[in-house]
Every structure is written in C-alpha cells, then in structure tokens.
Amino acid sequence: MTYSHLARANDLEPASGHHHLLSECPFHREESFEPPFHVVSRHADVLAMLLAPEQWRNGDGPGVFSQRGGVLGSADDPDHRRQRKVLQDGFRPAAIASLMPRVDRIGEELWAKSFSRDGEGDFVRLFAFPFPAEVIAEMLGVHPDDREHFGEWSDDIVNGLGGGDLTLVQRAMDGIHGIVDGLVADRRVAIENGGGPPDDLTTVLTRAHLAGELAYREVQQLCQQILVAGHETTASLIGLMLYRLATLPELANRLRAEPDLVPHAVEEFLRFDSPVQGLFRTNAEGCPLGDHHLEAGTKVQLLFAAANRDPRVWDDPDAIRLERFKDGRRSHLAFGWGVHHCIGNALARHEAQFALRRMLDTFATLEVTGPVRINEPFILRGLTTLPIRWTVRDVAAPRVAP
C-alpha cells in the first residue's frame, strides 16, 4: 500500500508519519493529491535545497499550486533581495527591541483580560490567535477599528496554500489591500506635504514606493505577507507551547525552577512542534531527486518539521529537552534557512518568550478539557481549538524574569 503523507500530516502528533518518511522514503512522491508532488524530509537534504536558491526557486509560490508574481518569501532574486532590503531595517534586532514595549503592552492587556482569575475557555481564541494579529496590526499602523477581520483573512489565505477555497483567498486579499490603500494614501499626503507620518512599517513601505524602490502592487502584497507570516506561525507556536505545558506539567515546573531556560525552551518548542511544517520550492532545471527524475518546474515540499525530528541530527528527537539549545546552536529549520530565512524571527521569538513567561507566572493548574483540533492546511501546523481550565497562582508567587 502506497504511503500517504497527507493522510498523516494533520495528526495531533505527526512525528510517526515524519519518521516513516525519514527512514523509508526520504524522497517521497505524494500520489493522493492532484497534481502529485514530492516531499523531502531529511535534514541534510532539506538544508542543501534551502542553500541552493538558484535551483530551488520560491517564485512559483510557497504552496502546492503555482502562483506567480509574489513577494519576499514568494519571490526570487533580484526582486526578493530588493524587497528584503526595504524591510530589513524594520526587522533588525535593534528595531524589534524598540518595538518591544508596544508588543508587551498589547500582550499584557490581552492576558489580563482573560487570565486574571480562575476560569476556562479556548486558549486559541482568548490569546494565541489575537496576540500576534494585534502586534502585526500595530506594526503596520492599522487603526484598532479596522483589525476585526485580520485573523480571519490570514486563515483564509493560509488555507489557500494547501488547495483551499480560492474565492475566500481573493476576498481576504481584497480586504487587506483595501485597508492598506487607505493607510498608504494617508502617509503619502503627510510625506508630500512635509509632515510627519506615523513611525510604522506602512510608512517605510510608502517611502520606498515614492522613491521608486517598490511598485505599489508590492506594497500591498508585502503588507499581506507580513500579516499572514507574522500571525499564523506565531499563533500556532504559542498555542502548541501551552498544549505541551498542559500535557507535560513537569516542563512548567522545571522552567519555573530554571527561568533562564525560557529562551532556549522556545527554540526547542520551535524544533519539536514546527509551526511551518514545510513550504514548497520549484526546480529551475530538471534534476534527480532520489530515484526520481524531476522535470523543470516540479513542486517539492521541503518538510522542515521532519528535518527537525531527524535522528541523524538530533539525539532523542521525540523528546522535549529544554536545555537542547543552551549551547547557542540555532540549527533547527523552523524559520527556514539561507537567503529566505524568516525576516520576522526576532519578533516571533520575543512574542513566544513573552507568552511562555505569562503562562508560567499565571497558571497554578492547567488542564485540557475537550477536543483539540489541528488546522487544515498541511503546510502549516497549529491548533484551531484548545479548550482549557485553569487556576491562577498566588499573586505573591515570584515571576519568571524576562
């Protein structure tokens, strides 16, 4: 019987499927999808492809279907390099550090709203989902009244990467572009009149457009990609971290005892529960792949999540070892690698560390009270529901230091 990667991709615990690919078919052809596609799972093979962007191209889009005309993570050089150069100053560690007080304020307000007393509810909807959406909206300068549909639009676009309803994708894109159009128009007026536009990412993009560095279409698409990439993956990471603390309480006990492990724990959660399961690349020229010969233009999924469980690289890969990254290694592939390494990784790490510390500070007891559901697209992995019941710790209990 032919193994189906897609039949296992949305398991709550997908590691057994990943290990089948790693040991039995590291260059897998997925026949259950139309059109069929290939999957590469071993760390060395995935890394080698990420480090060969001239051959393994992003320009056909990160999803299973070919989509031309994208930006940044969906573009190749020289366009990718030009677009990244515009954005890079806003995502450097120093720039993210200056943003942190605003990020923490958003997080504190959302957290206090739901978790100031004992209770129960869906953690995804209470915090994991809205927190990164609000942060990205703040970065872009979106007015609070216009943020209502951001999370929904982000979901619809992500679902389209795995073959979801493309009419919902178009509706989401139209909604995002409509908001961006208004933001850019306001900033353009301020700039052209010699005024001071807001200090946000939309102003950076508007200035680049006025200077001829970006086409207007690219401004719209970059805002859209920043929203989707910055929201979905971070929401997934935060939800999955809480799920692990709820089901493995010894992790929380150790982190409270050793708070310096929090940043390293986030790296281990990224490796263990990679929110980006695997993005697609397309070969520029025909080439061999295992026992297959691929014609030019073939879609191949680079399965980061399997590479992050590869026993050739990781000791005891299916165990969460909170100290695994304490030596400073950053070789997991949760943020990709090479020229397309996630530009927002410093922001995502900060949001995750903030959320993890709040979980440790707040919850005295924590239990999952109902079905936990995984999202549909096989490209990303996150929880759409995480019903929990909690009690809060004594307010006099020591906090986990930032």
Protein backbone atom coordinates (compact mmCIF):
# COMPACT_ATOMS: atom_id res chain seq x y z
CA MET A 1 0.00 0.00 0.00
CA THR A 2 1.37 3.42 -1.01
CA TYR A 3 2.13 5.65 1.95
CA SER A 4 0.20 8.92 2.08
CA HIS A 5 1.96 11.90 3.63
CA LEU A 6 -1.29 13.89 3.56
CA ALA A 7 -3.19 11.22 5.49
CA ARG A 8 -0.87 11.83 8.46
CA ALA A 9 0.05 15.50 8.02
CA ASN A 10 -2.77 16.81 10.23
CA ASP A 11 -2.35 14.33 13.07
CA LEU A 12 -2.17 15.90 16.51
CA GLU A 13 1.16 14.09 16.84
CA PRO A 14 2.60 13.86 13.31
CA ALA A 15 6.03 12.53 14.32
CA SER A 16 5.31 8.90 13.40
CA GLY A 17 4.49 9.96 9.86
CA HIS A 18 7.63 12.06 9.71
CA HIS A 19 9.76 9.16 10.89
CA HIS A 20 8.25 6.92 8.22
CA LEU A 21 9.35 9.44 5.61
CA LEU A 22 12.78 9.86 7.20
CA SER A 23 13.51 6.14 7.34
CA GLU A 24 11.53 4.63 4.47
CA CYS A 25 11.03 7.27 1.77
CA PRO A 26 13.11 10.42 2.29
CA PHE A 27 12.28 11.41 -1.30
CA HIS A 28 8.55 10.73 -1.30
CA ARG A 29 6.09 11.21 -4.17
CA GLU A 30 2.63 12.08 -2.83
CA GLU A 31 0.09 10.43 -5.13
CA SER A 32 -3.04 11.29 -3.15
CA PHE A 33 -3.06 14.91 -4.34
CA GLU A 34 -3.83 16.30 -7.78
CA PRO A 35 -1.39 17.11 -9.15
CA PRO A 36 1.02 14.82 -7.28
CA PHE A 37 4.01 16.43 -5.62
CA HIS A 38 7.27 15.38 -3.97
CA VAL A 39 8.33 15.61 -0.31
CA VAL A 40 11.88 15.84 1.04
CA SER A 41 12.27 15.12 4.76
CA ARG A 42 15.89 14.54 5.88
CA HIS A 43 17.68 17.48 7.47
CA ALA A 44 20.74 17.33 5.20
CA ASP A 45 18.63 17.21 2.04
CA VAL A 46 16.26 19.99 3.13
CA LEU A 47 19.16 22.21 4.19
CA ALA A 48 21.02 21.60 0.92
CA MET A 49 17.95 22.68 -1.06
CA LEU A 50 17.46 25.79 1.07
CA LEU A 51 21.07 26.73 0.37
CA ALA A 52 20.60 26.40 -3.40
CA PRO A 53 18.03 29.13 -4.19
CA GLU A 54 19.12 29.40 -7.82
CA GLN A 55 17.94 25.84 -8.44
CA TRP A 56 15.17 25.53 -5.84
CA ARG A 57 13.11 28.63 -6.51
CA ASN A 58 10.47 30.44 -4.47
CA GLY A 59 8.91 32.34 -7.36
CA ASP A 60 6.15 29.80 -8.02
CA GLY A 61 4.82 30.39 -4.51
CA PRO A 62 5.21 28.51 -1.22
CA GLY A 63 2.02 26.46 -1.71
CA VAL A 64 1.16 23.33 -3.64
CA PHE A 65 -0.17 25.23 -6.67
CA SER A 66 1.95 27.56 -8.80
CA GLN A 67 1.29 31.23 -8.06
CA ARG A 68 3.49 33.73 -9.86
CA GLY A 69 4.00 37.39 -9.03
CA GLY A 70 4.54 37.08 -5.29
CA VAL A 71 6.88 38.99 -2.99
CA LEU A 72 9.61 38.23 -0.46
CA GLY A 73 9.07 34.57 0.52
CA SER A 74 7.26 34.03 -2.79
CA ALA A 75 9.88 35.76 -4.95
CA ASP A 76 13.40 35.10 -6.17
CA ASP A 77 16.39 37.39 -6.55
CA PRO A 78 16.82 40.11 -7.62
CA ASP A 79 13.23 41.04 -6.62
CA HIS A 80 13.49 39.19 -3.30
CA ARG A 81 16.75 40.95 -2.40
CA ARG A 82 15.34 44.36 -3.30
CA GLN A 83 12.15 43.82 -1.27
CA ARG A 84 14.01 42.41 1.72
CA LYS A 85 16.40 45.37 1.72
CA VAL A 86 13.43 47.74 2.16
CA LEU A 87 12.12 45.74 5.11
CA GLN A 88 15.31 44.64 6.84
CA ASP A 89 15.88 47.76 8.94
CA GLY A 90 12.41 47.40 10.45
CA PHE A 91 13.13 43.80 11.44
CA ARG A 92 16.68 44.05 12.74
CA PRO A 93 17.08 43.06 16.43
CA ALA A 94 17.62 46.72 17.42
CA ALA A 95 14.41 47.79 15.68
CA ILE A 96 12.48 44.91 17.22
CA ALA A 97 13.89 45.86 20.63
CA SER A 98 12.48 49.37 20.24
CA LEU A 99 9.09 47.86 19.36
CA MET A 100 9.06 45.55 22.39
CA PRO A 101 7.33 47.91 24.86
CA ARG A 102 4.36 48.18 22.48
CA VAL A 103 4.32 44.42 21.91
CA ASP A 104 4.43 43.75 25.64
CA ARG A 105 1.65 46.29 26.29
CA ILE A 106 -0.60 44.51 23.78
CA GLY A 107 0.24 41.17 25.36
CA GLU A 108 -0.33 42.36 28.91
CA GLU A 109 -3.73 43.85 28.05
CA LEU A 110 -4.92 40.70 26.28
CA TRP A 111 -3.56 38.42 29.00
CA ALA A 112 -5.10 40.39 31.87
CA LYS A 113 -8.46 40.46 30.12
CA SER A 114 -8.74 36.65 30.18
CA PHE A 115 -6.43 35.25 32.85
CA SER A 116 -6.65 37.47 35.91
CA ARG A 117 -8.74 34.86 37.74
CA ASP A 118 -9.58 31.15 37.62
CA GLY A 119 -11.55 30.18 34.55
CA GLU A 120 -11.94 28.12 31.42
CA GLY A 121 -12.13 28.82 27.72
CA ASP A 122 -10.47 28.32 24.36
CA PHE A 123 -6.86 29.49 24.67
CA VAL A 124 -6.52 29.90 20.91
CA ARG A 125 -9.34 32.45 20.78
CA LEU A 126 -8.53 34.07 24.10
CA PHE A 127 -4.86 34.75 23.43
CA ALA A 128 -2.82 32.70 20.93
CA PHE A 129 -4.81 33.92 17.91
CA PRO A 130 -5.38 37.62 18.72
CA PHE A 131 -1.98 38.46 20.24
CA PRO A 132 0.22 38.20 17.11
CA ALA A 133 -2.55 39.62 14.91
CA GLU A 134 -2.70 42.72 17.12
CA VAL A 135 1.10 43.01 17.07
CA ILE A 136 1.28 42.91 13.27
CA ALA A 137 -1.60 45.40 13.01
CA GLU A 138 0.33 47.69 15.37
CA MET A 139 3.50 47.36 13.28
CA LEU A 140 1.59 48.24 10.11
CA GLY A 141 -0.24 51.13 11.81
CA VAL A 142 -3.73 49.70 11.28
CA HIS A 143 -6.39 51.53 13.28
CA PRO A 144 -7.96 49.34 16.02
CA ASP A 145 -11.37 49.67 14.38
CA ASP A 146 -10.03 48.05 11.20
CA ARG A 147 -8.43 44.98 12.83
CA GLU A 148 -11.56 42.88 13.31
CA HIS A 149 -11.12 40.64 10.27
CA PHE A 150 -7.32 40.36 10.23
CA GLY A 151 -7.17 36.91 11.80
CA GLU A 152 -9.96 35.53 9.61
CA TRP A 153 -8.33 36.88 6.44
CA SER A 154 -4.99 35.43 7.47
CA ASP A 155 -6.58 31.99 7.96
CA ASP A 156 -8.28 32.09 4.55
CA ILE A 157 -5.04 32.95 2.75
CA VAL A 158 -3.14 30.16 4.54
CA ASN A 159 -5.86 27.64 3.69
CA GLY A 160 -5.42 28.57 0.04
CA LEU A 161 -1.77 27.45 0.13
CA GLY A 162 -2.94 23.88 0.66
CA GLY A 163 -5.65 23.99 -2.00
CA GLY A 164 -8.44 25.69 0.00
CA ASP A 165 -11.27 27.90 -1.28
CA LEU A 166 -9.62 30.44 -3.58
CA THR A 167 -12.68 32.71 -3.53
CA LEU A 168 -12.06 33.20 0.19
CA VAL A 169 -8.41 33.90 -0.57
CA GLN A 170 -9.38 36.61 -3.03
CA ARG A 171 -11.87 38.12 -0.58
CA ALA A 172 -9.18 38.20 2.11
CA MET A 173 -6.66 39.79 -0.22
CA ASP A 174 -9.18 42.43 -1.29
CA GLY A 175 -9.94 43.23 2.35
CA ILE A 176 -6.28 43.60 3.30
CA HIS A 177 -5.46 45.63 0.22
CA GLY A 178 -8.38 47.95 0.91
CA ILE A 179 -7.04 48.76 4.37
CA VAL A 180 -3.50 49.15 3.03
CA ASP A 181 -4.73 51.55 0.33
CA GLY A 182 -6.16 53.86 2.98
CA LEU A 183 -3.03 53.69 5.13
CA VAL A 184 -0.72 54.44 2.22
CA ALA A 185 -2.89 57.32 1.00
CA ASP A 186 -2.73 58.96 4.45
CA ARG A 187 1.03 58.57 4.68
CA ARG A 188 1.59 59.78 1.15
CA VAL A 189 -0.28 63.00 1.88
CA ALA A 190 1.74 63.54 5.07
CA ILE A 191 5.06 62.89 3.31
CA GLU A 192 4.30 65.05 0.27
CA ASN A 193 3.10 67.92 2.50
CA GLY A 194 6.28 67.80 4.55
CA GLY A 195 4.52 66.45 7.63
CA GLY A 196 5.48 63.62 9.94
CA PRO A 197 3.81 60.31 9.04
CA PRO A 198 3.46 57.63 11.74
CA ASP A 199 6.57 55.64 12.66
CA ASP A 200 5.37 52.29 11.33
CA LEU A 201 6.09 49.71 8.67
CA THR A 202 3.49 51.10 6.25
CA THR A 203 5.36 54.42 6.28
CA VAL A 204 8.61 52.57 5.45
CA LEU A 205 6.89 50.87 2.50
CA THR A 206 5.24 54.10 1.36
CA ARG A 207 8.54 55.95 1.34
CA ALA A 208 10.10 53.10 -0.66
CA HIS A 209 7.25 53.29 -3.19
CA LEU A 210 7.60 57.06 -3.57
CA ALA A 211 11.35 56.61 -4.07
CA GLY A 212 10.75 54.10 -6.86
CA GLU A 213 12.10 51.15 -4.85
CA LEU A 214 8.78 49.26 -4.75
CA ALA A 215 5.86 49.03 -7.14
CA TYR A 216 2.52 49.79 -5.50
CA ARG A 217 1.42 46.18 -6.01
CA GLU A 218 4.47 45.11 -3.99
CA VAL A 219 3.49 47.42 -1.12
CA GLN A 220 0.06 45.75 -0.95
CA GLN A 221 1.49 42.24 -1.17
CA LEU A 222 4.24 42.85 1.37
CA CYS A 223 1.69 44.06 3.92
CA GLN A 224 -0.38 40.96 3.21
CA GLN A 225 2.57 38.59 3.55
CA ILE A 226 3.77 40.26 6.76
CA LEU A 227 0.30 39.79 8.25
CA VAL A 228 -0.03 36.14 7.27
CA ALA A 229 3.53 35.08 8.08
CA GLY A 230 3.68 37.09 11.29
CA HIS A 231 0.30 35.99 12.58
CA GLU A 232 -0.31 32.34 11.70
CA THR A 233 3.01 30.85 12.68
CA THR A 234 3.37 32.74 15.96
CA ALA A 235 -0.23 31.95 16.97
CA SER A 236 0.48 28.29 16.26
CA LEU A 237 3.68 28.29 18.30
CA ILE A 238 2.01 29.92 21.31
CA GLY A 239 -0.93 27.52 21.25
CA LEU A 240 1.27 24.46 20.90
CA MET A 241 3.54 25.61 23.75
CA LEU A 242 0.57 25.85 26.07
CA TYR A 243 -0.64 22.42 24.95
CA ARG A 244 2.73 20.94 25.86
CA LEU A 245 2.73 22.62 29.29
CA ALA A 246 -0.79 21.34 29.95
CA THR A 247 0.01 17.75 28.98
CA LEU A 248 3.58 17.68 30.35
CA PRO A 249 3.40 19.71 33.60
CA GLU A 250 6.97 18.76 34.51
CA LEU A 251 8.09 21.20 31.80
CA ALA A 252 6.45 24.12 33.59
CA ASN A 253 7.88 23.02 36.93
CA ARG A 254 11.40 22.97 35.56
CA LEU A 255 11.06 26.30 33.77
CA ARG A 256 9.85 27.98 36.95
CA ALA A 257 12.83 26.50 38.77
CA GLU A 258 15.24 27.50 35.98
CA PRO A 259 13.79 30.63 34.34
CA ASP A 260 16.98 31.23 32.35
CA LEU A 261 15.89 28.29 30.20
CA VAL A 262 12.89 30.17 28.76
CA PRO A 263 14.64 31.44 25.58
CA HIS A 264 16.16 28.00 24.99
CA ALA A 265 12.79 26.37 25.62
CA VAL A 266 11.22 28.48 22.87
CA GLU A 267 13.87 27.18 20.45
CA GLU A 268 13.10 23.61 21.49
CA PHE A 269 9.35 24.15 21.07
CA LEU A 270 10.06 25.54 17.60
CA ARG A 271 12.01 22.40 16.73
CA PHE A 272 9.57 19.98 18.33
CA ASP A 273 6.31 21.50 17.05
CA SER A 274 7.45 23.33 13.92
CA PRO A 275 4.57 25.70 13.04
CA VAL A 276 5.70 25.72 9.41
CA GLN A 277 5.53 22.04 8.52
CA GLY A 278 7.08 22.58 5.12
CA LEU A 279 6.99 25.06 2.25
CA PHE A 280 7.30 24.31 -1.44
CA ARG A 281 10.12 25.02 -3.85
CA THR A 282 10.24 24.58 -7.64
CA ASN A 283 13.30 23.39 -9.54
CA ALA A 284 14.65 25.76 -12.17
CA GLU A 285 16.17 22.88 -14.17
CA GLY A 286 15.44 19.19 -14.48
CA CYS A 287 17.30 17.17 -11.85
CA PRO A 288 17.38 13.88 -9.96
CA LEU A 289 15.62 13.57 -6.61
CA GLY A 290 16.30 10.22 -5.01
CA ASP A 291 15.13 7.60 -7.52
CA HIS A 292 13.03 10.15 -9.42
CA HIS A 293 13.94 12.48 -12.25
CA LEU A 294 12.11 15.78 -11.92
CA GLU A 295 11.26 17.86 -14.91
CA ALA A 296 11.91 21.58 -14.51
CA GLY A 297 9.05 23.33 -12.72
CA THR A 298 8.18 20.46 -10.36
CA LYS A 299 6.74 21.31 -6.95
CA VAL A 300 8.62 19.82 -3.96
CA GLN A 301 7.68 20.26 -0.31
CA LEU A 302 10.66 20.78 1.99
CA LEU A 303 9.38 19.21 5.19
CA PHE A 304 11.00 21.32 7.91
CA ALA A 305 9.09 19.53 10.67
CA ALA A 306 10.50 16.12 9.71
CA ALA A 307 14.00 17.56 9.35
CA ASN A 308 13.62 18.91 12.88
CA ARG A 309 12.99 15.35 14.11
CA ASP A 310 15.77 13.72 12.09
CA PRO A 311 17.70 11.33 14.40
CA ARG A 312 20.78 11.87 12.23
CA VAL A 313 20.93 15.38 13.69
CA TRP A 314 19.07 15.27 17.00
CA ASP A 315 19.58 12.96 19.97
CA ASP A 316 16.25 11.62 21.21
CA PRO A 317 14.36 13.81 18.69
CA ASP A 318 10.88 12.99 20.00
CA ALA A 319 11.62 14.27 23.50
CA ILE A 320 11.37 17.90 24.58
CA ARG A 321 14.75 18.78 26.06
CA LEU A 322 14.55 22.30 27.44
CA GLU A 323 18.33 22.71 27.52
CA ARG A 324 18.92 21.41 23.98
CA PHE A 325 19.77 24.87 22.56
CA LYS A 326 21.59 26.17 25.61
CA ASP A 327 24.92 25.94 23.80
CA GLY A 328 23.73 28.56 21.31
CA ARG A 329 23.05 26.23 18.39
CA ARG A 330 20.41 27.58 16.04
CA SER A 331 20.31 24.77 13.51
CA HIS A 332 16.63 23.93 13.63
CA LEU A 333 14.79 24.78 10.44
CA ALA A 334 11.58 26.19 11.90
CA PHE A 335 12.38 29.58 10.36
CA GLY A 336 13.84 28.14 7.18
CA TRP A 337 17.47 28.86 6.31
CA GLY A 338 19.62 30.76 3.87
CA VAL A 339 18.54 33.83 1.92
CA HIS A 340 14.88 33.21 2.72
CA HIS A 341 15.41 32.77 6.48
CA CYS A 342 12.32 34.28 8.13
CA ILE A 343 12.82 38.03 8.39
CA GLY A 344 10.47 38.25 11.38
CA ASN A 345 12.19 35.60 13.53
CA ALA A 346 13.33 38.06 16.25
CA LEU A 347 9.78 39.34 16.70
CA ALA A 348 8.31 35.83 16.80
CA ARG A 349 10.87 34.76 19.39
CA HIS A 350 10.05 37.74 21.60
CA GLU A 351 6.30 37.14 21.39
CA ALA A 352 6.78 33.47 22.22
CA GLN A 353 9.04 34.20 25.19
CA PHE A 354 6.57 36.79 26.47
CA ALA A 355 3.70 34.30 26.20
CA LEU A 356 5.66 31.46 27.81
CA ARG A 357 6.61 33.61 30.79
CA ARG A 358 2.98 34.66 31.29
CA MET A 359 1.90 31.01 31.23
CA LEU A 360 4.47 30.15 33.89
CA ASP A 361 3.64 33.20 36.02
CA THR A 362 -0.12 32.75 35.86
CA PHE A 363 -1.24 29.14 35.85
CA ALA A 364 -1.17 27.15 39.07
CA THR A 365 -3.10 24.30 37.45
CA LEU A 366 -3.85 23.75 33.80
CA GLU A 367 -5.85 21.04 32.04
CA VAL A 368 -7.19 20.39 28.57
CA THR A 369 -10.97 19.98 28.86
CA GLY A 370 -12.14 18.98 25.37
CA PRO A 371 -11.14 18.11 21.81
CA VAL A 372 -8.02 19.76 20.48
CA ARG A 373 -8.25 20.46 16.76
CA ILE A 374 -5.47 20.97 14.22
CA ASN A 375 -5.76 23.41 11.34
CA GLU A 376 -6.49 22.08 7.87
CA PRO A 377 -3.61 23.10 5.58
CA PHE A 378 -0.80 20.56 5.57
CA ILE A 379 1.76 23.34 5.05
CA LEU A 380 1.36 24.92 8.49
CA ARG A 381 0.55 23.25 11.77
CA GLY A 382 -1.34 24.86 14.61
CA LEU A 383 -4.31 24.44 16.88
CA THR A 384 -7.68 25.89 15.94
CA THR A 385 -9.17 24.99 19.33
CA LEU A 386 -7.52 24.40 22.70
CA PRO A 387 -10.16 24.28 25.45
CA ILE A 388 -8.57 24.60 28.89
CA ARG A 389 -9.43 25.07 32.53
CA TRP A 390 -7.00 26.90 34.78
CA THR A 391 -6.43 28.25 38.24
CA VAL A 392 -4.15 31.21 38.85
CA ARG A 393 -1.09 31.21 41.06
CA ASP A 394 -0.81 33.24 44.24
CA VAL A 395 -0.09 36.84 43.22
CA ALA A 396 2.81 36.82 45.67
CA ALA A 397 4.50 33.96 43.78
CA PRO A 398 7.76 35.00 42.09
CA ARG A 399 7.50 35.95 38.42
CA VAL A 400 9.63 34.41 35.69
CA ALA A 401 12.05 37.20 34.89
CA PRO A 402 12.20 38.49 31.31
